[in-house]
C-alpha atoms as a PDB file:
ATOM      1  CA  UNK A   1     154.963  43.616  90.080  1.00  0.00           C
ATOM      2  CA  UNK A   2     153.205  41.367  92.541  1.00  0.00           C
ATOM      3  CA  UNK A   3     150.515  42.989  94.676  1.00  0.00           C
ATOM      4  CA  UNK A   4     151.084  42.573  98.401  1.00  0.00           C
ATOM      5  CA  UNK A   5     148.784  43.745 101.171  1.00  0.00           C
ATOM      6  CA  UNK A   6     149.265  44.509 104.824  1.00  0.00           C
ATOM      7  CA  UNK A   7     146.585  45.013 107.443  1.00  0.00           C
ATOM      8  CA  UNK A   8     146.863  46.708 110.834  1.00  0.00           C
ATOM      9  CA  UNK A   9     144.981  49.164 113.016  1.00  0.00           C
ATOM     10  CA  UNK A  10     141.735  49.047 111.011  1.00  0.00           C
ATOM     11  CA  UNK A  11     143.157  50.044 107.654  1.00  0.00           C
ATOM     12  CA  UNK A  12     144.608  48.155 104.721  1.00  0.00           C
ATOM     13  CA  UNK A  13     147.545  48.934 102.455  1.00  0.00           C
ATOM     14  CA  UNK A  14     147.928  47.605  98.919  1.00  0.00           C
ATOM     15  CA  UNK A  15     151.221  47.738  97.035  1.00  0.00           C
ATOM     16  CA  UNK A  16     151.652  47.961  93.263  1.00  0.00           C
ATOM     17  CA  UNK A  17     152.633  50.069  90.276  1.00  0.00           C
ATOM     18  CA  UNK A  18     150.354  52.653  88.725  1.00  0.00           C
ATOM     19  CA  UNK A  19     149.042  51.657  85.319  1.00  0.00           C
ATOM     20  CA  UNK A  20     146.987  54.743  84.508  1.00  0.00           C
ATOM     21  CA  UNK A  21     145.228  57.745  86.038  1.00  0.00           C
ATOM     22  CA  UNK A  22     141.750  58.944  85.115  1.00  0.00           C
ATOM     23  CA  UNK A  23     140.439  62.403  86.004  1.00  0.00           C
ATOM     24  CA  UNK A  24     136.689  62.704  85.555  1.00  0.00           C
ATOM     25  CA  UNK A  25     133.345  61.707  87.032  1.00  0.00           C
ATOM     26  CA  UNK A  26     133.960  64.098  89.969  1.00  0.00           C
ATOM     27  CA  UNK A  27     137.019  62.132  91.103  1.00  0.00           C
ATOM     28  CA  UNK A  28     140.524  61.011  90.221  1.00  0.00           C
ATOM     29  CA  UNK A  29     140.880  57.262  89.642  1.00  0.00           C
ATOM     30  CA  UNK A  30     144.238  55.570  90.224  1.00  0.00           C
ATOM     31  CA  UNK A  31     144.543  52.141  88.576  1.00  0.00           C
ATOM     32  CA  UNK A  32     147.214  49.699  89.761  1.00  0.00           C
ATOM     33  CA  UNK A  33     148.733  47.208  87.288  1.00  0.00           C
ATOM     34  CA  UNK A  34     147.073  43.820  87.573  1.00  0.00           C
ATOM     35  CA  UNK A  35     145.036  44.964  90.542  1.00  0.00           C
ATOM     36  CA  UNK A  36     142.221  47.261  91.563  1.00  0.00           C
ATOM     37  CA  UNK A  37     141.689  50.987  91.529  1.00  0.00           C
ATOM     38  CA  UNK A  38     141.296  53.736  94.101  1.00  0.00           C
ATOM     39  CA  UNK A  39     138.836  56.591  93.737  1.00  0.00           C
ATOM     40  CA  UNK A  40     140.056  59.920  95.132  1.00  0.00           C
ATOM     41  CA  UNK A  41     137.039  62.264  95.375  1.00  0.00           C
ATOM     42  CA  UNK A  42     137.336  65.945  94.486  1.00  0.00           C
ATOM     43  CA  UNK A  43     136.618  66.779  98.130  1.00  0.00           C
ATOM     44  CA  UNK A  44     139.588  64.731  99.415  1.00  0.00           C
ATOM     45  CA  UNK A  45     141.704  67.277 101.322  1.00  0.00           C
ATOM     46  CA  UNK A  46     145.043  66.211  99.798  1.00  0.00           C
ATOM     47  CA  UNK A  47     143.807  65.334  96.314  1.00  0.00           C
ATOM     48  CA  UNK A  48     146.279  67.581  94.461  1.00  0.00           C
ATOM     49  CA  UNK A  49     149.225  66.093  96.368  1.00  0.00           C
ATOM     50  CA  UNK A  50     147.944  62.565  95.667  1.00  0.00           C
ATOM     51  CA  UNK A  51     147.621  63.322  91.947  1.00  0.00           C
ATOM     52  CA  UNK A  52     151.150  64.780  91.850  1.00  0.00           C
ATOM     53  CA  UNK A  53     152.497  61.737  93.694  1.00  0.00           C
ATOM     54  CA  UNK A  54     150.635  59.338  91.387  1.00  0.00           C
ATOM     55  CA  UNK A  55     151.896  61.095  88.255  1.00  0.00           C
ATOM     56  CA  UNK A  56     155.474  61.094  89.573  1.00  0.00           C
ATOM     57  CA  UNK A  57     155.264  57.373  90.369  1.00  0.00           C
ATOM     58  CA  UNK A  58     153.770  56.599  86.936  1.00  0.00           C
ATOM     59  CA  UNK A  59     156.354  58.580  84.957  1.00  0.00           C
ATOM     60  CA  UNK A  60     159.296  57.216  86.966  1.00  0.00           C
ATOM     61  CA  UNK A  61     158.040  53.599  87.192  1.00  0.00           C
ATOM     62  CA  UNK A  62     158.046  53.752  90.994  1.00  0.00           C
ATOM     63  CA  UNK A  63     155.850  51.549  93.139  1.00  0.00           C
ATOM     64  CA  UNK A  64     153.208  52.895  95.499  1.00  0.00           C
ATOM     65  CA  UNK A  65     151.359  51.760  98.585  1.00  0.00           C
ATOM     66  CA  UNK A  66     147.704  52.797  98.638  1.00  0.00           C
ATOM     67  CA  UNK A  67     146.025  52.971 102.044  1.00  0.00           C
ATOM     68  CA  UNK A  68     142.306  52.319 102.428  1.00  0.00           C
ATOM     69  CA  UNK A  69     140.227  53.131 105.510  1.00  0.00           C
ATOM     70  CA  UNK A  70     138.575  49.703 105.698  1.00  0.00           C
ATOM     71  CA  UNK A  71     140.279  46.699 107.229  1.00  0.00           C
ATOM     72  CA  UNK A  72     140.613  43.417 105.297  1.00  0.00           C
ATOM     73  CA  UNK A  73     140.292  45.011 101.838  1.00  0.00           C
ATOM     74  CA  UNK A  74     140.660  42.886  98.705  1.00  0.00           C
ATOM     75  CA  UNK A  75     143.446  44.725  96.875  1.00  0.00           C
ATOM     76  CA  UNK A  76     141.991  43.614  93.538  1.00  0.00           C
ATOM     77  CA  UNK A  77     138.711  45.490  94.075  1.00  0.00           C
ATOM     78  CA  UNK A  78     137.862  48.123  91.460  1.00  0.00           C
ATOM     79  CA  UNK A  79     136.591  51.588  92.387  1.00  0.00           C
ATOM     80  CA  UNK A  80     137.415  51.529  96.109  1.00  0.00           C
ATOM     81  CA  UNK A  81     135.757  54.572  97.686  1.00  0.00           C
ATOM     82  CA  UNK A  82     137.580  54.521 101.032  1.00  0.00           C
ATOM     83  CA  UNK A  83     140.955  55.910  99.866  1.00  0.00           C
ATOM     84  CA  UNK A  84     142.956  57.295 102.800  1.00  0.00           C
ATOM     85  CA  UNK A  85     146.393  58.076 101.333  1.00  0.00           C
ATOM     86  CA  UNK A  86     149.362  56.898  99.295  1.00  0.00           C
ATOM     87  CA  UNK A  87     153.115  56.370  99.670  1.00  0.00           C
ATOM     88  CA  UNK A  88     155.598  56.356  96.801  1.00  0.00           C
ATOM     89  CA  UNK A  89     158.329  53.724  97.124  1.00  0.00           C
END
């Protein structure tokens, strides 16, 4: 799947498919196929919902849109620490 990004209102959204999920190092890492990764810290208020959504998308081969707090993010960046949320497509 091709990675597409959209920017508006001081945040950035990156689209892709989840390749793998890592839980460790005091965070959950979500890796997108052929693209970067988002770091969801343990203290993120909706972390359990994000993990459930990521696992559902991975198992069902569904795309996701990951939202980052920063504007003008390079969607290929690894270990982004400004994760804001995620949609499942």
